[in-house]
Amino acid sequence: YSGYDRDTWEHRTAVNYKIQAQQYMKARTKSAQQEVVSEYGIRFSILTHLPYFDIVRMHVVDPMHNLLLGTPKHMDTK
């Protein structure tokens, strides 16, 4: 996998993640939750309630599962 223009990607922050995760939690239906996942690519995690844990900065993506789960297909290739 190559050819991604990473300079155009919007950088995530823990604050934005928490806001978007709350939108996921407030969604009343599965389809509404799926809309949040489609738009932001996130789901809720209870770890966001830990004051010392920055879910964006402290999250490690291991390459094998990243490719196995097909994460690169969600990247913008324009």
Protein backbone atom coordinates (compact mmCIF):
# COMPACT_ATOMS: atom_id res chain seq x y z
CA TYR A 1 0.00 0.00 0.00
CA SER A 2 1.43 3.32 -1.05
CA GLY A 3 0.54 6.52 -2.81
CA TYR A 4 -1.28 8.18 0.08
CA ASP A 5 -1.01 11.95 0.35
CA ARG A 6 -0.65 12.09 4.11
CA ASP A 7 -0.07 15.85 4.10
CA THR A 8 -3.75 16.40 3.25
CA TRP A 9 -5.09 14.23 6.06
CA GLU A 10 -6.82 15.95 8.94
CA HIS A 11 -4.93 15.24 12.14
CA ARG A 12 -6.95 13.78 14.97
CA THR A 13 -6.88 15.05 18.54
CA ALA A 14 -8.08 13.46 21.74
CA VAL A 15 -10.62 16.28 22.17
CA ASN A 16 -12.12 15.72 18.71
CA TYR A 17 -12.15 11.96 19.30
CA LYS A 18 -14.11 12.41 22.54
CA ILE A 19 -16.65 14.68 20.84
CA GLN A 20 -17.14 12.24 17.96
CA ALA A 21 -17.28 9.24 20.32
CA GLN A 22 -20.04 10.99 22.26
CA GLN A 23 -21.97 11.42 19.02
CA TYR A 24 -21.65 7.66 18.53
CA MET A 25 -22.94 6.99 22.05
CA LYS A 26 -25.87 9.40 21.66
CA ALA A 27 -26.98 7.80 18.39
CA ARG A 28 -30.29 6.03 19.08
CA THR A 29 -30.14 3.42 16.32
CA LYS A 30 -27.54 1.12 14.82
CA SER A 31 -27.86 2.94 11.50
CA ALA A 32 -27.21 6.28 13.21
CA GLN A 33 -24.13 4.79 14.88
CA GLN A 34 -22.98 3.48 11.51
CA GLU A 35 -23.31 6.99 10.06
CA VAL A 36 -20.92 8.29 12.74
CA VAL A 37 -18.49 5.44 12.01
CA SER A 38 -18.68 6.16 8.28
CA GLU A 39 -18.10 9.88 8.73
CA TYR A 40 -15.37 9.83 11.40
CA GLY A 41 -14.09 6.25 11.49
CA ILE A 42 -14.43 6.00 15.26
CA ARG A 43 -16.49 4.24 17.87
CA PHE A 44 -16.85 4.86 21.58
CA SER A 45 -14.18 3.63 23.96
CA ILE A 46 -14.43 3.74 27.75
CA LEU A 47 -10.70 4.53 27.76
CA THR A 48 -11.57 8.13 26.83
CA HIS A 49 -12.77 8.61 30.42
CA LEU A 50 -9.27 8.07 31.79
CA PRO A 51 -7.80 11.54 32.38
CA TYR A 52 -4.23 10.45 31.60
CA PHE A 53 -5.00 8.50 28.41
CA ASP A 54 -4.80 10.24 25.04
CA ILE A 55 -6.46 7.69 22.76
CA VAL A 56 -5.05 9.27 19.59
CA ARG A 57 -1.46 9.65 20.72
CA MET A 58 -1.22 6.44 22.76
CA HIS A 59 -2.90 4.07 20.32
CA VAL A 60 -0.69 1.59 18.49
CA VAL A 61 -1.84 0.06 15.22
CA ASP A 62 -0.04 -3.16 14.49
CA PRO A 63 0.60 -3.57 10.75
CA MET A 64 -0.63 -7.15 10.42
CA HIS A 65 -4.10 -6.49 11.83
CA ASN A 66 -4.24 -3.08 10.16
CA LEU A 67 -3.91 -4.75 6.74
CA LEU A 68 -5.98 -7.81 7.72
CA LEU A 69 -8.92 -5.62 8.73
CA GLY A 70 -8.62 -3.57 5.55
CA THR A 71 -7.94 -0.20 7.16
CA PRO A 72 -6.05 1.16 4.13
CA LYS A 73 -9.22 1.00 2.01
CA HIS A 74 -10.66 3.73 4.26
CA MET A 75 -7.76 6.08 3.48
CA ASP A 76 -8.23 8.84 0.93
CA THR A 77 -6.20 7.99 -2.18
CA LYS A 78 -6.94 11.18 -4.15
